[in-house]
Structures are given as structure tokens and as C-alpha cells.
Amino acid sequence: MLKKLMDLFSNDLAIDLGTANCLVYARDRGIIVNEPSVVAVHQGFRGNQKILAVGKEAKEMLGRTPGSIRAIRPMKDGVIADFEVTQAMLKYFIQKSMNGSKFVKPRIIICIPFGITQVEKRAVKESAEQAGAREVYLIEEPMAAAIGAGLPITDPSGNMIVDIGGGTTEVAVISLGGIVYSKSVRVAGDKFDEAIASYVKKKYSLLIGERTAEQIKIILGNAYPLDDDKKTTEVKGRDLIGGAPKTISVTAEEVREALADPISEVVEAIKIALEKTPPELAADIVDNGIILAGGGSLLANLDILIKEKTGLPVAIAEDPLTCVVRGCGKCLESLSLLKQVTTLS
């Protein structure tokens, strides 16, 4: 009876706990939270940490904080790097989703990268439980992305999904509701930003922060020649020679050059996955093509580059940024699907 009552009051949630962004999907309400995975922490005299801000507000502080305040990204390469801060961030997003109610403990599905260790899985699960979850289910990101992209995952045919997030790129071949082959590489949006910052530093002796590098990626990021390769954007940073602030202009062609190495690693991961795929499923992928999801898939002309390198049809999922959390949301709606695709922890 009590369990039925709890189910009645429970507002089940699906969480995409990403390296770059955290998205929360509530049953019957859709996506209700979409904020950066950043937490601003005040360091006390005795090492005590006090959470000052979470999400958008905390991201505004990145690279701009005094010594006593740190803007932390507690997720690194798709896994928890700072357990305590992740727990605080989860608690904040869960309470925000529950409109501050502390009496109702939700059932929660959380996305995890494929191939993380049992210890890392346990850390995610415990974080959610400490943050107020009643039950926690874990689902692998490529599976959630495939469901969100509308792929027929339960059919006996091969479908390839490439989920390019903030910390990891997950390449998976899915058939009959399971992952037949998956490769996870820790090269994704963050590494793209680092590559841009490193290029600007090397070529122009200009030091830029991660937020500036991300802005350059959003404005000019591309993987294959554009119609307007000479398009430029202004970049402000600190001159490493003179030490004073300086402004330069970079072109789309230069940004593509900066991104060449990390993008080639993503393409290589796709090629390896294709080589390891059983022949019958490989034949299906020739027909069905490759589906791209995640924020990294929005990089201009990335689909064209992958198509050229693999010779296969490539399509970008509808609203790739929310693909994973929408896939999780569909599992909330269907208990049978949830049981089929969740991973034991």
C-alpha cells in the first residue's frame, strides 16, 4: 500500500548527467532543466566548501573568480571527478525539478558512458541516492541516444549511433535492444575547445579561456571546407609576449585546422567500430547509415566529413543536444523498455 502511495506521489525523472550540460526530463512534463554542469564553490578557512551557484549562474563565473571561489566542472570525460560537488549539483537539479519538495523521493534514470567501471557506476548511483532518489536505474548513453533518435532498437537489424558529447564520443552498433559493439573515446566537445585554445596560443601567442574557445567553436567550428572559409570572428585574450590584453581575428579555415586532430580521432573510432561489426549488421548499416547525436554533431559539415571517410550515408538526429535525455524519458514512459535497456550496477 505504501509503495503504491509513493508511486502516486513520485515524479519520475530522467537525467543526462553530461560533462558539459545536465538535462532533466520529468514524466508527463518533458525537459524541465537544461543547464551547464558547473558548480561555483566557496572555499572556507578550514577547507569547508560552500556551494554558491549551480548551472548557468556558475558558468558565468568560469575563469572570473577570486582566489576563494572556484567554478568547478565536477564531471570529467563523462565520469564523476568530484563526488561531493556532483552530489550537490544533482541535489540542486533534482530539487529544482521537484519544485523544492523534499517529501517526494523520485525514481531516477541516469545516463552513463558505455564501458565505465563498476566503481564509477556505483559513484553515480550513490550520488543520486544521497541527493534524494528512491530508486536509481542506469542506462548507457549510446542506447539512450538511439532511443531518443527514434531508431528501431528492438528490431533484429543493425543501427549505428555516434553520440558526441562534452567529455566522450560513444560509437555503438545496436540490435535487438542491446549494444552489439561499442567504442568510447574521451575526445569530444571539451577536447575541441582545448584544441582551439592551443592553436591560438601556438599561432598568435594569445592565451584564451575555455569559454572563449567554446564561443569560437560555436561561431566558426567546422570539419570540412565551408562555402565561406574566410569568415572571421574577433578573439580577445592575453598576449603572452607583451602580457597586455589583445584582440585578433581568426578564420573558419584556421578553426578547421585547429580541430583536425581531435576530429580525426572521432572518425578513427567510427572506422574501428565498423571493422569490428559482425558482417550481417554491417550490411544493415550500409542501408540504414550512421546517425549522429550530441552537441558535437552540430559542428558544421562534420556529417559530410564522416560520409566522405566511411562511404556511408550519415544523418544528424533531430535536436541532437537533447537526444540522450529524450531517450531516457521514453524509458520512463515504458517500464518494459526500461527493463530491457537498463544496465545492472
Protein backbone atom coordinates (compact mmCIF):
# COMPACT_ATOMS: atom_id res chain seq x y z
CA MET A 1 0.00 0.00 0.00
CA LEU A 2 2.78 2.41 0.99
CA LYS A 3 4.66 1.60 -2.24
CA LYS A 4 1.53 2.37 -4.29
CA LEU A 5 1.15 5.65 -2.42
CA MET A 6 4.81 6.51 -3.07
CA ASP A 7 4.35 5.73 -6.78
CA LEU A 8 1.35 8.03 -6.84
CA PHE A 9 3.29 10.97 -5.43
CA SER A 10 6.56 10.17 -7.14
CA ASN A 11 7.52 12.34 -10.06
CA ASP A 12 9.93 10.13 -12.01
CA LEU A 13 12.94 11.82 -13.58
CA ALA A 14 15.47 11.00 -16.30
CA ILE A 15 18.84 12.74 -16.04
CA ASP A 16 21.53 13.18 -18.67
CA LEU A 17 24.44 13.92 -16.36
CA GLY A 18 26.76 15.25 -19.05
CA THR A 19 30.28 16.62 -18.84
CA ALA A 20 29.14 19.92 -20.40
CA ASN A 21 25.39 20.08 -19.65
CA CYS A 22 22.91 18.48 -17.29
CA LEU A 23 19.40 17.86 -18.63
CA VAL A 24 16.43 16.63 -16.62
CA TYR A 25 13.29 15.09 -18.14
CA ALA A 26 10.18 14.68 -15.97
CA ARG A 27 7.47 12.17 -16.85
CA ASP A 28 4.47 13.87 -18.49
CA ARG A 29 6.29 17.24 -18.44
CA GLY A 30 9.21 16.77 -20.85
CA ILE A 31 12.59 18.51 -20.44
CA ILE A 32 12.39 20.81 -17.45
CA VAL A 33 16.09 21.54 -16.76
CA ASN A 34 18.87 22.23 -19.27
CA GLU A 35 21.85 23.85 -17.58
CA PRO A 36 25.68 23.68 -17.71
CA SER A 37 27.33 21.10 -15.44
CA VAL A 38 29.20 23.76 -13.47
CA VAL A 39 29.23 24.47 -9.73
CA ALA A 40 30.70 27.57 -8.03
CA VAL A 41 32.22 26.70 -4.66
CA HIS A 42 33.45 28.98 -1.89
CA GLN A 43 36.50 27.60 -0.09
CA GLY A 44 36.30 28.31 3.66
CA PHE A 45 39.20 28.81 6.10
CA ARG A 46 39.14 25.21 7.33
CA GLY A 47 38.69 23.66 3.93
CA ASN A 48 34.88 23.73 4.22
CA GLN A 49 33.14 24.03 0.88
CA LYS A 50 30.01 26.10 0.43
CA ILE A 51 28.02 25.88 -2.82
CA LEU A 52 27.40 29.38 -4.17
CA ALA A 53 25.82 28.72 -7.56
CA VAL A 54 24.94 25.85 -9.90
CA GLY A 55 24.34 25.74 -13.66
CA LYS A 56 24.09 28.90 -15.80
CA GLU A 57 24.94 31.23 -12.94
CA ALA A 58 28.07 29.22 -12.08
CA LYS A 59 29.18 29.02 -15.75
CA GLU A 60 29.19 32.82 -15.93
CA MET A 61 31.88 32.69 -13.23
CA LEU A 62 34.26 30.35 -15.16
CA GLY A 63 37.69 31.99 -15.40
CA ARG A 64 36.48 35.08 -13.48
CA THR A 65 36.57 34.01 -9.83
CA PRO A 66 38.70 35.38 -6.96
CA GLY A 67 41.00 33.01 -5.06
CA SER A 68 38.40 31.94 -2.51
CA ILE A 69 35.82 30.92 -5.14
CA ARG A 70 36.23 28.11 -7.68
CA ALA A 71 33.98 27.35 -10.62
CA ILE A 72 34.20 23.56 -10.90
CA ARG A 73 33.05 21.17 -13.60
CA PRO A 74 32.58 18.05 -11.44
CA MET A 75 32.17 15.71 -14.44
CA LYS A 76 35.33 14.91 -16.38
CA ASP A 77 35.35 12.75 -19.52
CA GLY A 78 31.80 11.59 -18.79
CA VAL A 79 32.55 10.36 -15.25
CA ILE A 80 32.49 11.88 -11.77
CA ALA A 81 35.73 13.73 -10.98
CA ASP A 82 34.48 15.37 -7.77
CA PHE A 83 32.00 13.19 -5.89
CA GLU A 84 30.91 15.78 -3.28
CA VAL A 85 30.31 18.57 -5.79
CA THR A 86 28.47 16.20 -8.20
CA GLN A 87 26.19 15.18 -5.34
CA ALA A 88 25.45 18.85 -4.56
CA MET A 89 24.77 19.54 -8.25
CA LEU A 90 22.43 16.53 -8.55
CA LYS A 91 20.60 17.57 -5.39
CA TYR A 92 20.12 21.08 -6.79
CA PHE A 93 18.75 19.83 -10.14
CA ILE A 94 16.51 17.19 -8.51
CA GLN A 95 15.03 19.71 -6.05
CA LYS A 96 14.57 22.24 -8.85
CA SER A 97 12.71 19.54 -10.83
CA MET A 98 10.56 18.69 -7.81
CA ASN A 99 9.76 22.39 -7.21
CA GLY A 100 11.65 22.25 -3.91
CA SER A 101 9.55 19.42 -2.43
CA LYS A 102 11.64 17.32 -0.03
CA PHE A 103 8.92 14.79 0.81
CA VAL A 104 8.64 13.11 -2.57
CA LYS A 105 11.53 10.83 -3.48
CA PRO A 106 11.60 10.27 -7.26
CA ARG A 107 12.59 7.22 -9.24
CA ILE A 108 15.50 8.31 -11.42
CA ILE A 109 17.15 7.05 -14.61
CA ILE A 110 20.69 8.35 -15.20
CA CYS A 111 22.77 8.10 -18.39
CA ILE A 112 26.32 6.81 -18.12
CA PRO A 113 29.05 6.41 -20.77
CA PHE A 114 29.43 2.88 -22.13
CA GLY A 115 32.31 0.93 -20.60
CA ILE A 116 32.76 2.84 -17.34
CA THR A 117 33.90 0.75 -14.38
CA GLN A 118 31.68 -0.75 -11.68
CA VAL A 119 33.24 1.71 -9.20
CA GLU A 120 32.27 4.66 -11.42
CA LYS A 121 28.73 3.24 -11.85
CA ARG A 122 28.41 2.91 -8.09
CA ALA A 123 29.60 6.50 -7.61
CA VAL A 124 26.86 7.78 -9.96
CA LYS A 125 24.21 5.65 -8.25
CA GLU A 126 25.24 6.67 -4.73
CA SER A 127 25.35 10.34 -5.72
CA ALA A 128 21.73 10.15 -6.90
CA GLU A 129 20.61 8.25 -3.80
CA GLN A 130 22.34 10.75 -1.49
CA ALA A 131 20.70 13.55 -3.49
CA GLY A 132 17.22 12.16 -2.73
CA ALA A 133 16.40 9.43 -5.25
CA ARG A 134 14.24 6.49 -4.16
CA GLU A 135 15.34 4.12 -6.92
CA VAL A 136 18.15 4.61 -9.43
CA TYR A 137 18.45 2.96 -12.84
CA LEU A 138 21.48 3.38 -15.11
CA ILE A 139 21.25 3.40 -18.89
CA GLU A 140 24.17 3.57 -21.28
CA GLU A 141 24.40 6.80 -23.27
CA PRO A 142 24.54 5.29 -26.78
CA MET A 143 21.40 3.27 -26.06
CA ALA A 144 19.57 6.35 -24.72
CA ALA A 145 20.75 8.38 -27.74
CA ALA A 146 19.48 5.69 -30.15
CA ILE A 147 16.07 5.62 -28.44
CA GLY A 148 15.94 9.44 -28.46
CA ALA A 149 16.86 9.49 -32.16
CA GLY A 150 13.91 7.20 -32.89
CA LEU A 151 15.97 4.22 -34.08
CA PRO A 152 14.21 0.82 -34.09
CA ILE A 153 16.48 -0.56 -31.35
CA THR A 154 14.40 -3.70 -30.66
CA ASP A 155 14.41 -4.83 -34.32
CA PRO A 156 16.86 -7.53 -35.49
CA SER A 157 18.77 -5.06 -37.66
CA GLY A 158 21.98 -3.09 -37.11
CA ASN A 159 21.86 0.62 -36.33
CA MET A 160 24.92 2.76 -35.67
CA ILE A 161 24.74 5.77 -33.37
CA VAL A 162 27.59 8.21 -32.75
CA ASP A 163 26.99 10.35 -29.67
CA ILE A 164 29.49 13.23 -29.48
CA GLY A 165 29.06 14.85 -26.07
CA GLY A 166 31.22 17.15 -23.97
CA GLY A 167 33.60 14.59 -22.49
CA THR A 168 33.21 11.42 -24.56
CA THR A 169 32.28 10.23 -28.03
CA GLU A 170 30.30 6.99 -27.94
CA VAL A 171 30.12 4.90 -31.09
CA ALA A 172 27.70 1.97 -30.82
CA VAL A 173 26.07 -0.66 -33.01
CA ILE A 174 22.66 -1.63 -31.63
CA SER A 175 20.44 -4.59 -32.47
CA LEU A 176 17.62 -6.45 -30.67
CA GLY A 177 17.58 -3.97 -27.77
CA GLY A 178 21.25 -4.46 -26.91
CA ILE A 179 24.65 -2.98 -27.71
CA VAL A 180 26.47 -5.40 -30.04
CA TYR A 181 29.66 -3.33 -30.18
CA SER A 182 30.58 -0.01 -28.63
CA LYS A 183 33.68 2.14 -28.50
CA SER A 184 34.03 5.10 -26.17
CA VAL A 185 36.79 7.65 -26.74
CA ARG A 186 37.49 10.54 -24.41
CA VAL A 187 37.59 13.01 -27.29
CA ALA A 188 34.57 15.28 -27.72
CA GLY A 189 33.44 18.89 -27.26
CA ASP A 190 35.91 19.71 -24.46
CA LYS A 191 38.86 18.43 -26.49
CA PHE A 192 37.64 20.54 -29.44
CA ASP A 193 37.76 23.62 -27.17
CA GLU A 194 41.24 22.70 -25.90
CA ALA A 195 42.48 22.23 -29.48
CA ILE A 196 41.24 25.73 -30.44
CA ALA A 197 42.83 27.34 -27.35
CA SER A 198 46.11 25.51 -28.04
CA TYR A 199 46.11 26.58 -31.72
CA VAL A 200 45.51 30.25 -30.87
CA LYS A 201 48.26 30.10 -28.23
CA LYS A 202 50.75 28.50 -30.63
CA LYS A 203 49.99 30.62 -33.71
CA TYR A 204 49.21 34.00 -32.16
CA SER A 205 50.88 33.76 -28.69
CA LEU A 206 47.46 34.62 -27.27
CA LEU A 207 46.09 32.99 -24.14
CA ILE A 208 42.31 32.45 -24.16
CA GLY A 209 39.96 30.81 -21.64
CA GLU A 210 37.71 27.79 -22.19
CA ARG A 211 34.58 29.95 -22.56
CA THR A 212 36.22 31.97 -25.37
CA ALA A 213 37.40 28.76 -27.09
CA GLU A 214 33.85 27.38 -26.88
CA GLN A 215 32.44 30.58 -28.43
CA ILE A 216 34.91 30.29 -31.35
CA LYS A 217 33.81 26.65 -31.84
CA ILE A 218 30.12 27.63 -31.87
CA ILE A 219 30.61 30.53 -34.30
CA LEU A 220 33.24 29.12 -36.67
CA GLY A 221 33.70 25.42 -35.83
CA ASN A 222 33.73 23.21 -38.93
CA ALA A 223 35.11 19.85 -40.02
CA TYR A 224 35.01 20.19 -43.81
CA PRO A 225 35.53 23.22 -46.12
CA LEU A 226 32.68 25.72 -45.90
CA ASP A 227 31.30 27.90 -48.69
CA ASP A 228 32.62 30.88 -46.72
CA ASP A 229 36.04 29.71 -45.46
CA LYS A 230 37.28 33.28 -44.97
CA LYS A 231 34.55 34.12 -42.44
CA THR A 232 36.21 35.57 -39.32
CA THR A 233 35.49 36.30 -35.67
CA GLU A 234 37.25 38.53 -33.17
CA VAL A 235 39.10 36.80 -30.34
CA LYS A 236 40.14 38.61 -27.16
CA GLY A 237 42.76 37.27 -24.80
CA ARG A 238 46.09 37.96 -23.10
CA ASP A 239 49.21 38.45 -25.21
CA LEU A 240 51.84 36.01 -23.95
CA ILE A 241 54.73 38.19 -25.16
CA GLY A 242 53.63 41.66 -24.01
CA GLY A 243 51.31 40.49 -21.22
CA ALA A 244 48.60 43.01 -22.19
CA PRO A 245 45.06 42.21 -23.44
CA LYS A 246 44.92 41.84 -27.22
CA THR A 247 42.35 41.23 -29.98
CA ILE A 248 42.97 39.13 -33.10
CA SER A 249 40.82 37.72 -35.92
CA VAL A 250 40.62 34.01 -36.75
CA THR A 251 39.09 32.45 -39.86
CA ALA A 252 36.88 29.38 -40.28
CA GLU A 253 39.76 27.73 -42.17
CA GLU A 254 42.07 28.19 -39.16
CA VAL A 255 39.46 26.74 -36.78
CA ARG A 256 39.12 23.68 -39.04
CA GLU A 257 42.92 23.28 -38.96
CA ALA A 258 42.85 23.52 -35.14
CA LEU A 259 40.15 20.83 -34.91
CA ALA A 260 41.74 18.41 -37.40
CA ASP A 261 43.42 16.14 -34.80
CA PRO A 262 40.50 15.58 -32.38
CA ILE A 263 38.06 15.14 -35.29
CA SER A 264 40.33 12.53 -36.90
CA GLU A 265 40.24 10.58 -33.59
CA VAL A 266 36.43 10.58 -33.70
CA VAL A 267 36.47 9.39 -37.33
CA GLU A 268 39.02 6.69 -36.41
CA ALA A 269 36.72 5.43 -33.60
CA ILE A 270 33.86 5.14 -36.13
CA LYS A 271 36.10 3.22 -38.58
CA ILE A 272 37.22 0.80 -35.83
CA ALA A 273 33.58 0.20 -34.84
CA LEU A 274 32.70 -0.56 -38.46
CA GLU A 275 35.61 -3.01 -38.72
CA LYS A 276 34.51 -4.84 -35.54
CA THR A 277 30.81 -5.04 -36.51
CA PRO A 278 29.53 -8.52 -37.50
CA PRO A 279 29.03 -8.79 -41.30
CA GLU A 280 25.22 -9.16 -41.18
CA LEU A 281 24.88 -5.99 -39.11
CA ALA A 282 27.46 -4.16 -41.24
CA ALA A 283 25.20 -4.83 -44.25
CA ASP A 284 22.30 -3.19 -42.34
CA ILE A 285 24.44 -0.13 -41.56
CA VAL A 286 25.15 0.30 -45.29
CA ASP A 287 21.36 0.64 -45.75
CA ASN A 288 20.49 2.48 -42.53
CA GLY A 289 23.55 4.72 -42.37
CA ILE A 290 25.14 6.39 -39.33
CA ILE A 291 23.14 8.65 -37.01
CA LEU A 292 24.94 11.49 -35.20
CA ALA A 293 23.75 12.79 -31.83
CA GLY A 294 25.08 15.02 -29.04
CA GLY A 295 26.21 18.65 -29.13
CA GLY A 296 29.41 17.80 -31.04
CA SER A 297 27.36 16.65 -34.04
CA LEU A 298 26.32 20.29 -34.57
CA LEU A 299 29.87 21.10 -35.75
CA ALA A 300 29.40 22.37 -39.31
CA ASN A 301 29.94 19.79 -42.07
CA LEU A 302 31.00 17.01 -39.67
CA ASP A 303 28.39 14.75 -41.27
CA ILE A 304 29.90 15.46 -44.73
CA LEU A 305 33.41 14.57 -43.49
CA ILE A 306 32.25 11.28 -41.90
CA LYS A 307 30.32 10.42 -45.07
CA GLU A 308 33.46 11.01 -47.16
CA LYS A 309 35.72 8.97 -44.83
CA THR A 310 33.36 5.99 -44.42
CA GLY A 311 31.42 6.00 -47.71
CA LEU A 312 28.18 5.52 -45.73
CA PRO A 313 25.07 7.71 -45.50
CA VAL A 314 25.22 9.99 -42.44
CA ALA A 315 22.32 11.87 -40.81
CA ILE A 316 22.06 14.12 -37.76
CA ALA A 317 19.37 13.22 -35.22
CA GLU A 318 16.54 15.66 -34.63
CA ASP A 319 17.57 18.07 -31.82
CA PRO A 320 20.86 16.21 -31.13
CA LEU A 321 21.54 18.13 -27.89
CA THR A 322 18.52 16.61 -26.12
CA CYS A 323 18.62 13.20 -27.83
CA VAL A 324 20.04 11.31 -24.83
CA VAL A 325 17.66 12.72 -22.24
CA ARG A 326 14.64 12.22 -24.54
CA GLY A 327 15.67 8.58 -24.94
CA CYS A 328 15.80 8.27 -21.15
CA GLY A 329 12.39 9.93 -20.99
CA LYS A 330 10.91 7.29 -23.30
CA CYS A 331 12.20 4.62 -20.89
CA LEU A 332 10.33 6.39 -18.06
CA GLU A 333 7.12 6.06 -20.05
CA SER A 334 7.67 2.36 -20.84
CA LEU A 335 8.56 0.00 -18.00
CA SER A 336 9.19 -2.92 -20.37
CA LEU A 337 11.67 -0.84 -22.41
CA LEU A 338 13.34 0.33 -19.19
CA LYS A 339 13.90 -3.28 -18.04
CA GLN A 340 15.28 -4.23 -21.42
CA VAL A 341 17.87 -1.47 -21.73
CA THR A 342 18.99 -0.56 -18.21
CA THR A 343 22.37 -1.74 -17.04
CA LEU A 344 22.97 -3.59 -13.79
CA SER A 345 25.13 -1.70 -11.36
